[in-house]
Amino acid sequence: MRAAALSLTGDVERALDYLEQALADRDTMLPGIRGVPRFRALYGDPRFGTVFQEVFPGREPTAAVDGTR
């Protein structure tokens, strides 16, 4: 997913743009954002939170990292 590569390079805005587009397109790869270390830099961003909540309603990105459900 292009958003992961952009996140790793520090291009947060473009990474979030790609995640939002993936959500709009109903990209089947979106469930892969849960617990992926390269997305941790985005966890505090409200835009990431919105995408995450659409894919995983009721869960928090931090819960994905520590393995809780």
C-alpha atoms as a PDB file:
ATOM      1  CA  MET A   1       0.000   0.000   0.000  1.00  0.00           C
ATOM      2  CA  ARG A   2       1.448   3.325  -1.062  1.00  0.00           C
ATOM      3  CA  ALA A   3       0.351   5.001   2.184  1.00  0.00           C
ATOM      4  CA  ALA A   4       2.738   2.782   4.166  1.00  0.00           C
ATOM      5  CA  ALA A   5       5.708   3.803   2.047  1.00  0.00           C
ATOM      6  CA  LEU A   6       4.792   7.484   2.318  1.00  0.00           C
ATOM      7  CA  SER A   7       4.421   7.178   6.082  1.00  0.00           C
ATOM      8  CA  LEU A   8       7.897   5.667   6.330  1.00  0.00           C
ATOM      9  CA  THR A   9       9.378   8.564   4.372  1.00  0.00           C
ATOM     10  CA  GLY A  10       7.669  11.090   6.643  1.00  0.00           C
ATOM     11  CA  ASP A  11       5.191  12.313   4.029  1.00  0.00           C
ATOM     12  CA  VAL A  12       2.286  12.151   6.461  1.00  0.00           C
ATOM     13  CA  GLU A  13      -0.126  14.345   4.500  1.00  0.00           C
ATOM     14  CA  ARG A  14       0.151  12.272   1.336  1.00  0.00           C
ATOM     15  CA  ALA A  15      -0.022   9.037   3.320  1.00  0.00           C
ATOM     16  CA  LEU A  16      -3.278  10.210   4.860  1.00  0.00           C
ATOM     17  CA  ASP A  17      -4.573  11.299   1.461  1.00  0.00           C
ATOM     18  CA  TYR A  18      -3.961   7.780   0.142  1.00  0.00           C
ATOM     19  CA  LEU A  19      -5.630   6.177   3.166  1.00  0.00           C
ATOM     20  CA  GLU A  20      -8.688   8.383   2.759  1.00  0.00           C
ATOM     21  CA  GLN A  21      -8.862   7.525  -0.934  1.00  0.00           C
ATOM     22  CA  ALA A  22      -8.479   3.831  -0.134  1.00  0.00           C
ATOM     23  CA  LEU A  23     -11.407   4.148   2.260  1.00  0.00           C
ATOM     24  CA  ALA A  24     -13.525   5.880  -0.388  1.00  0.00           C
ATOM     25  CA  ASP A  25     -12.584   3.150  -2.871  1.00  0.00           C
ATOM     26  CA  ARG A  26     -13.295   0.396  -0.304  1.00  0.00           C
ATOM     27  CA  ASP A  27      -9.791  -0.954  -0.824  1.00  0.00           C
ATOM     28  CA  THR A  28      -9.567  -4.532   0.452  1.00  0.00           C
ATOM     29  CA  MET A  29      -6.076  -3.844   1.792  1.00  0.00           C
ATOM     30  CA  LEU A  30      -7.297  -1.375   4.445  1.00  0.00           C
ATOM     31  CA  PRO A  31      -7.671  -3.977   7.217  1.00  0.00           C
ATOM     32  CA  GLY A  32      -3.892  -4.283   6.921  1.00  0.00           C
ATOM     33  CA  ILE A  33      -3.437  -0.936   8.692  1.00  0.00           C
ATOM     34  CA  ARG A  34      -4.174  -2.547  12.048  1.00  0.00           C
ATOM     35  CA  GLY A  35      -1.050  -3.191  14.052  1.00  0.00           C
ATOM     36  CA  VAL A  36       1.388  -2.304  11.272  1.00  0.00           C
ATOM     37  CA  PRO A  37       4.369  -0.483  12.831  1.00  0.00           C
ATOM     38  CA  ARG A  38       4.919   1.773   9.822  1.00  0.00           C
ATOM     39  CA  PHE A  39       1.563   3.451  10.500  1.00  0.00           C
ATOM     40  CA  ARG A  40       2.337   4.270  14.149  1.00  0.00           C
ATOM     41  CA  ALA A  41       3.497   7.750  13.173  1.00  0.00           C
ATOM     42  CA  LEU A  42      -0.063   8.428  11.988  1.00  0.00           C
ATOM     43  CA  TYR A  43      -1.918   7.156  15.062  1.00  0.00           C
ATOM     44  CA  GLY A  44      -2.280  10.581  16.694  1.00  0.00           C
ATOM     45  CA  ASP A  45      -3.644  12.228  13.559  1.00  0.00           C
ATOM     46  CA  PRO A  46      -7.423  12.740  13.514  1.00  0.00           C
ATOM     47  CA  ARG A  47      -7.567  11.813   9.824  1.00  0.00           C
ATOM     48  CA  PHE A  48      -5.974   8.439  10.559  1.00  0.00           C
ATOM     49  CA  GLY A  49      -8.380   7.985  13.456  1.00  0.00           C
ATOM     50  CA  THR A  50     -11.335   8.548  11.136  1.00  0.00           C
ATOM     51  CA  VAL A  51     -10.094   5.976   8.625  1.00  0.00           C
ATOM     52  CA  PHE A  52      -9.258   3.513  11.402  1.00  0.00           C
ATOM     53  CA  GLN A  53     -12.712   3.864  12.985  1.00  0.00           C
ATOM     54  CA  GLU A  54     -14.401   3.248   9.641  1.00  0.00           C
ATOM     55  CA  VAL A  55     -12.441   0.024   9.200  1.00  0.00           C
ATOM     56  CA  PHE A  56     -12.444  -1.063  12.878  1.00  0.00           C
ATOM     57  CA  PRO A  57     -15.455   0.545  14.615  1.00  0.00           C
ATOM     58  CA  GLY A  58     -15.016   0.913  18.354  1.00  0.00           C
ATOM     59  CA  ARG A  59     -11.304   0.119  18.391  1.00  0.00           C
ATOM     60  CA  GLU A  60      -8.359   2.415  18.961  1.00  0.00           C
ATOM     61  CA  PRO A  61      -5.130   2.319  16.935  1.00  0.00           C
ATOM     62  CA  THR A  62      -3.091   1.958  20.135  1.00  0.00           C
ATOM     63  CA  ALA A  63      -4.988  -1.221  21.012  1.00  0.00           C
ATOM     64  CA  ALA A  64      -3.839  -2.687  17.714  1.00  0.00           C
ATOM     65  CA  VAL A  65      -0.218  -2.141  18.662  1.00  0.00           C
ATOM     66  CA  ASP A  66      -0.295  -3.702  22.110  1.00  0.00           C
ATOM     67  CA  GLY A  67      -2.288  -6.723  20.966  1.00  0.00           C
ATOM     68  CA  THR A  68      -5.446  -6.038  22.948  1.00  0.00           C
ATOM     69  CA  ARG A  69      -8.815  -6.405  21.298  1.00  0.00           C
END
